[in-house]
C-alpha atoms as a PDB file:
ATOM      1  CA  UNK A   1       0.000   0.000   0.000  1.00  0.00           C
ATOM      2  CA  UNK A   2       1.268   3.449  -0.872  1.00  0.00           C
ATOM      3  CA  UNK A   3       1.635   5.716   2.144  1.00  0.00           C
ATOM      4  CA  UNK A   4      -1.729   7.491   2.567  1.00  0.00           C
ATOM      5  CA  UNK A   5      -0.110  10.423   4.392  1.00  0.00           C
ATOM      6  CA  UNK A   6      -0.054  13.379   4.408  1.00  0.00           C
ATOM      7  CA  UNK A   7      -3.766  14.157   4.111  1.00  0.00           C
ATOM      8  CA  UNK A   8      -5.427  17.530   4.455  1.00  0.00           C
ATOM      9  CA  UNK A   9      -8.369  17.853   6.848  1.00  0.00           C
ATOM     10  CA  UNK A  10      -9.563  21.444   6.639  1.00  0.00           C
ATOM     11  CA  UNK A  11      -7.222  23.559   8.767  1.00  0.00           C
ATOM     12  CA  UNK A  12      -5.553  20.382  10.045  1.00  0.00           C
ATOM     13  CA  UNK A  13      -3.269  17.889   8.383  1.00  0.00           C
ATOM     14  CA  UNK A  14      -2.720  14.213   9.095  1.00  0.00           C
ATOM     15  CA  UNK A  15       0.949  13.368   8.757  1.00  0.00           C
ATOM     16  CA  UNK A  16       3.693  11.088   9.968  1.00  0.00           C
ATOM     17  CA  UNK A  17       5.162  11.745  13.388  1.00  0.00           C
ATOM     18  CA  UNK A  18       8.861  12.708  13.509  1.00  0.00           C
ATOM     19  CA  UNK A  19      11.580  13.088  16.168  1.00  0.00           C
ATOM     20  CA  UNK A  20      11.450  16.848  15.515  1.00  0.00           C
ATOM     21  CA  UNK A  21       7.936  16.787  17.052  1.00  0.00           C
ATOM     22  CA  UNK A  22       9.378  15.942  20.475  1.00  0.00           C
ATOM     23  CA  UNK A  23       8.768  19.302  22.181  1.00  0.00           C
ATOM     24  CA  UNK A  24       5.132  19.620  21.031  1.00  0.00           C
ATOM     25  CA  UNK A  25       4.427  15.910  21.610  1.00  0.00           C
ATOM     26  CA  UNK A  26       5.789  16.008  25.157  1.00  0.00           C
ATOM     27  CA  UNK A  27       3.917  19.238  25.930  1.00  0.00           C
ATOM     28  CA  UNK A  28       0.498  17.659  25.402  1.00  0.00           C
ATOM     29  CA  UNK A  29       1.429  14.113  26.422  1.00  0.00           C
ATOM     30  CA  UNK A  30       2.638  15.407  29.810  1.00  0.00           C
ATOM     31  CA  UNK A  31      -0.554  17.418  30.387  1.00  0.00           C
ATOM     32  CA  UNK A  32      -2.229  15.556  33.276  1.00  0.00           C
ATOM     33  CA  UNK A  33      -5.692  16.784  32.297  1.00  0.00           C
ATOM     34  CA  UNK A  34      -5.325  15.427  28.740  1.00  0.00           C
ATOM     35  CA  UNK A  35      -3.880  12.155  30.001  1.00  0.00           C
ATOM     36  CA  UNK A  36      -6.677  11.592  32.494  1.00  0.00           C
ATOM     37  CA  UNK A  37      -8.777   9.454  30.135  1.00  0.00           C
ATOM     38  CA  UNK A  38      -5.972   8.075  27.978  1.00  0.00           C
ATOM     39  CA  UNK A  39      -4.326   4.667  27.898  1.00  0.00           C
ATOM     40  CA  UNK A  40      -0.844   6.162  27.815  1.00  0.00           C
ATOM     41  CA  UNK A  41       1.375   7.738  30.447  1.00  0.00           C
ATOM     42  CA  UNK A  42       4.014  10.453  30.076  1.00  0.00           C
ATOM     43  CA  UNK A  43       7.410   9.091  29.041  1.00  0.00           C
ATOM     44  CA  UNK A  44      10.986  10.393  29.267  1.00  0.00           C
ATOM     45  CA  UNK A  45      12.244  12.404  26.282  1.00  0.00           C
ATOM     46  CA  UNK A  46      14.514   9.629  24.991  1.00  0.00           C
ATOM     47  CA  UNK A  47      11.650   7.111  24.967  1.00  0.00           C
ATOM     48  CA  UNK A  48       9.286   9.623  23.365  1.00  0.00           C
ATOM     49  CA  UNK A  49      11.868  10.497  20.689  1.00  0.00           C
ATOM     50  CA  UNK A  50      12.290   6.785  19.863  1.00  0.00           C
ATOM     51  CA  UNK A  51       8.498   6.352  19.733  1.00  0.00           C
ATOM     52  CA  UNK A  52       8.210   9.287  17.312  1.00  0.00           C
ATOM     53  CA  UNK A  53      11.020   7.889  15.158  1.00  0.00           C
ATOM     54  CA  UNK A  54       9.441   4.441  15.104  1.00  0.00           C
ATOM     55  CA  UNK A  55       5.947   5.741  14.286  1.00  0.00           C
ATOM     56  CA  UNK A  56       7.353   7.961  11.553  1.00  0.00           C
ATOM     57  CA  UNK A  57       8.658   4.873   9.741  1.00  0.00           C
ATOM     58  CA  UNK A  58       6.118   2.224  10.800  1.00  0.00           C
ATOM     59  CA  UNK A  59       3.771   0.478   8.411  1.00  0.00           C
ATOM     60  CA  UNK A  60       0.397   2.117   8.778  1.00  0.00           C
ATOM     61  CA  UNK A  61      -2.793   0.136   9.221  1.00  0.00           C
ATOM     62  CA  UNK A  62      -1.073  -3.209   9.781  1.00  0.00           C
ATOM     63  CA  UNK A  63      -3.526  -5.715  11.305  1.00  0.00           C
ATOM     64  CA  UNK A  64      -3.084  -6.234  15.042  1.00  0.00           C
ATOM     65  CA  UNK A  65      -0.609  -3.371  15.570  1.00  0.00           C
ATOM     66  CA  UNK A  66      -1.317   0.126  16.920  1.00  0.00           C
ATOM     67  CA  UNK A  67       0.037   3.002  14.850  1.00  0.00           C
ATOM     68  CA  UNK A  68       0.050   6.709  15.680  1.00  0.00           C
ATOM     69  CA  UNK A  69      -0.219   9.527  13.186  1.00  0.00           C
ATOM     70  CA  UNK A  70       0.163  13.222  13.821  1.00  0.00           C
ATOM     71  CA  UNK A  71      -2.436  15.954  13.718  1.00  0.00           C
ATOM     72  CA  UNK A  72      -0.731  19.145  12.573  1.00  0.00           C
ATOM     73  CA  UNK A  73      -1.849  22.654  11.799  1.00  0.00           C
ATOM     74  CA  UNK A  74      -2.155  22.862   8.022  1.00  0.00           C
ATOM     75  CA  UNK A  75      -0.618  26.337   7.949  1.00  0.00           C
ATOM     76  CA  UNK A  76       2.794  25.397   9.373  1.00  0.00           C
ATOM     77  CA  UNK A  77       2.628  21.611   9.944  1.00  0.00           C
ATOM     78  CA  UNK A  78       3.229  22.133  13.695  1.00  0.00           C
ATOM     79  CA  UNK A  79       2.152  19.080  15.700  1.00  0.00           C
ATOM     80  CA  UNK A  80      -0.962  19.678  17.819  1.00  0.00           C
ATOM     81  CA  UNK A  81      -2.078  16.124  18.547  1.00  0.00           C
ATOM     82  CA  UNK A  82      -2.136  12.544  17.406  1.00  0.00           C
ATOM     83  CA  UNK A  83      -4.464   9.745  16.430  1.00  0.00           C
ATOM     84  CA  UNK A  84      -4.015   6.092  17.359  1.00  0.00           C
ATOM     85  CA  UNK A  85      -5.287   3.439  14.954  1.00  0.00           C
ATOM     86  CA  UNK A  86      -5.585  -0.294  15.642  1.00  0.00           C
ATOM     87  CA  UNK A  87      -6.776  -2.475  12.788  1.00  0.00           C
ATOM     88  CA  UNK A  88      -8.087  -5.782  14.132  1.00  0.00           C
ATOM     89  CA  UNK A  89      -6.135  -8.952  13.369  1.00  0.00           C
ATOM     90  CA  UNK A  90      -8.747  -9.970  10.792  1.00  0.00           C
ATOM     91  CA  UNK A  91      -8.828  -6.395   9.370  1.00  0.00           C
ATOM     92  CA  UNK A  92     -12.617  -6.116   9.741  1.00  0.00           C
ATOM     93  CA  UNK A  93     -12.671  -3.428  12.429  1.00  0.00           C
ATOM     94  CA  UNK A  94     -10.510  -0.501  13.462  1.00  0.00           C
ATOM     95  CA  UNK A  95     -10.299   1.229  16.833  1.00  0.00           C
ATOM     96  CA  UNK A  96      -9.485   4.929  16.809  1.00  0.00           C
ATOM     97  CA  UNK A  97      -8.286   7.152  19.651  1.00  0.00           C
ATOM     98  CA  UNK A  98      -7.178  10.776  19.610  1.00  0.00           C
ATOM     99  CA  UNK A  99      -5.480  13.483  21.636  1.00  0.00           C
ATOM    100  CA  UNK A 100      -5.374  17.194  20.840  1.00  0.00           C
ATOM    101  CA  UNK A 101      -3.391  19.801  22.766  1.00  0.00           C
ATOM    102  CA  UNK A 102      -5.573  22.061  24.883  1.00  0.00           C
ATOM    103  CA  UNK A 103      -4.343  25.135  22.992  1.00  0.00           C
ATOM    104  CA  UNK A 104      -5.696  23.679  19.724  1.00  0.00           C
ATOM    105  CA  UNK A 105      -9.085  22.626  21.074  1.00  0.00           C
ATOM    106  CA  UNK A 106     -12.374  24.318  20.255  1.00  0.00           C
ATOM    107  CA  UNK A 107     -11.589  25.111  16.603  1.00  0.00           C
ATOM    108  CA  UNK A 108     -12.886  21.953  14.904  1.00  0.00           C
ATOM    109  CA  UNK A 109      -9.395  20.628  14.186  1.00  0.00           C
ATOM    110  CA  UNK A 110      -9.841  17.301  15.979  1.00  0.00           C
ATOM    111  CA  UNK A 111     -13.237  16.760  14.357  1.00  0.00           C
ATOM    112  CA  UNK A 112     -11.790  17.360  10.892  1.00  0.00           C
ATOM    113  CA  UNK A 113      -8.762  15.172  11.625  1.00  0.00           C
ATOM    114  CA  UNK A 114     -10.772  12.244  13.011  1.00  0.00           C
ATOM    115  CA  UNK A 115     -13.258  12.468  10.142  1.00  0.00           C
ATOM    116  CA  UNK A 116     -10.356  12.353   7.648  1.00  0.00           C
ATOM    117  CA  UNK A 117      -8.677   9.473   9.499  1.00  0.00           C
ATOM    118  CA  UNK A 118     -11.903   7.464   9.244  1.00  0.00           C
ATOM    119  CA  UNK A 119     -12.090   8.212   5.512  1.00  0.00           C
ATOM    120  CA  UNK A 120      -8.467   7.068   5.171  1.00  0.00           C
ATOM    121  CA  UNK A 121      -9.254   3.805   6.990  1.00  0.00           C
ATOM    122  CA  UNK A 122     -12.168   3.034   4.695  1.00  0.00           C
ATOM    123  CA  UNK A 123     -10.134   3.965   1.596  1.00  0.00           C
ATOM    124  CA  UNK A 124      -7.065   1.877   2.497  1.00  0.00           C
ATOM    125  CA  UNK A 125      -8.342  -1.134   4.472  1.00  0.00           C
ATOM    126  CA  UNK A 126     -11.140  -3.684   4.212  1.00  0.00           C
ATOM    127  CA  UNK A 127     -12.433  -2.615   7.668  1.00  0.00           C
ATOM    128  CA  UNK A 128     -16.210  -2.600   7.808  1.00  0.00           C
ATOM    129  CA  UNK A 129     -16.452  -0.618  11.032  1.00  0.00           C
ATOM    130  CA  UNK A 130     -14.507   2.022  12.971  1.00  0.00           C
ATOM    131  CA  UNK A 131     -15.025   2.216  16.733  1.00  0.00           C
ATOM    132  CA  UNK A 132     -14.125   4.835  19.291  1.00  0.00           C
ATOM    133  CA  UNK A 133     -14.215   4.269  23.040  1.00  0.00           C
ATOM    134  CA  UNK A 134     -14.680   7.070  25.569  1.00  0.00           C
ATOM    135  CA  UNK A 135     -14.875   7.230  29.339  1.00  0.00           C
ATOM    136  CA  UNK A 136     -18.382   8.503  30.151  1.00  0.00           C
ATOM    137  CA  UNK A 137     -16.807  11.460  31.999  1.00  0.00           C
ATOM    138  CA  UNK A 138     -14.952  12.548  28.838  1.00  0.00           C
ATOM    139  CA  UNK A 139     -17.757  14.634  27.360  1.00  0.00           C
ATOM    140  CA  UNK A 140     -15.545  16.396  24.808  1.00  0.00           C
ATOM    141  CA  UNK A 141     -14.501  13.074  23.245  1.00  0.00           C
ATOM    142  CA  UNK A 142     -18.071  11.786  23.276  1.00  0.00           C
ATOM    143  CA  UNK A 143     -19.276  14.922  21.475  1.00  0.00           C
ATOM    144  CA  UNK A 144     -16.475  14.567  18.904  1.00  0.00           C
ATOM    145  CA  UNK A 145     -17.359  10.910  18.223  1.00  0.00           C
ATOM    146  CA  UNK A 146     -20.963  11.945  17.675  1.00  0.00           C
ATOM    147  CA  UNK A 147     -19.964  14.877  15.411  1.00  0.00           C
ATOM    148  CA  UNK A 148     -18.061  12.535  13.078  1.00  0.00           C
ATOM    149  CA  UNK A 149     -21.154  10.370  12.672  1.00  0.00           C
ATOM    150  CA  UNK A 150     -20.535   7.625  15.191  1.00  0.00           C
ATOM    151  CA  UNK A 151     -23.407   6.147  17.158  1.00  0.00           C
ATOM    152  CA  UNK A 152     -23.272   4.706  20.661  1.00  0.00           C
ATOM    153  CA  UNK A 153     -23.464   0.908  20.398  1.00  0.00           C
ATOM    154  CA  UNK A 154     -22.474  -0.226  23.888  1.00  0.00           C
ATOM    155  CA  UNK A 155     -21.850   0.901  27.445  1.00  0.00           C
ATOM    156  CA  UNK A 156     -19.550  -1.224  29.541  1.00  0.00           C
ATOM    157  CA  UNK A 157     -17.871  -1.265  32.934  1.00  0.00           C
ATOM    158  CA  UNK A 158     -14.110  -1.769  32.798  1.00  0.00           C
ATOM    159  CA  UNK A 159     -10.985  -1.224  34.859  1.00  0.00           C
ATOM    160  CA  UNK A 160      -8.711   1.479  33.441  1.00  0.00           C
ATOM    161  CA  UNK A 161      -5.436   2.505  35.073  1.00  0.00           C
ATOM    162  CA  UNK A 162      -6.405   0.367  38.063  1.00  0.00           C
ATOM    163  CA  UNK A 163      -9.745   2.155  38.566  1.00  0.00           C
ATOM    164  CA  UNK A 164     -13.251   1.005  37.703  1.00  0.00           C
ATOM    165  CA  UNK A 165     -14.855   3.172  35.054  1.00  0.00           C
ATOM    166  CA  UNK A 166     -17.709   3.159  32.586  1.00  0.00           C
ATOM    167  CA  UNK A 167     -17.062   3.521  28.857  1.00  0.00           C
ATOM    168  CA  UNK A 168     -19.270   4.211  25.883  1.00  0.00           C
ATOM    169  CA  UNK A 169     -18.378   2.452  22.637  1.00  0.00           C
ATOM    170  CA  UNK A 170     -19.230   4.343  19.446  1.00  0.00           C
ATOM    171  CA  UNK A 171     -19.127   2.988  15.907  1.00  0.00           C
ATOM    172  CA  UNK A 172     -19.537   3.979  12.291  1.00  0.00           C
ATOM    173  CA  UNK A 173     -19.881   1.474   9.460  1.00  0.00           C
ATOM    174  CA  UNK A 174     -18.281   1.604   6.038  1.00  0.00           C
ATOM    175  CA  UNK A 175     -20.450   3.674   3.717  1.00  0.00           C
ATOM    176  CA  UNK A 176     -22.445   1.600   1.231  1.00  0.00           C
END
């Protein structure tokens, strides 16, 4: 598969992550408020730099393996967030997750980026469904999932970061 990146998404751009993104990446990944509902934890600079290098060269949309892509401002390609994508082992379903720096929130950038990432998934994989999972307390993520056309399909009780929590699962199916 030819690399589907970069892709424009309104005033945002989906692109490969790079070691040069370290400062911006660490700024939002070390923000405790942003990390509250995420499955990741802040990492030391050397580990983060290696992660960015690896993701910048990794095969995208490989079944059974998470990949991260960057959300950048279209105007200057500055990193403002990232999107995680996990294509199921049988390639029928993809899970999507996203993080956007607080400074970039409220301008529709994450909505445009997630919408474009879903379009990319349907254009470059056989996935029939894209799902997003949000802690019920994460109202901003829930609203974003709904804005991109996902519908709530399940509510479940789980343990996340050692704490019980309730999650909503949202999904959108491949367009006919």
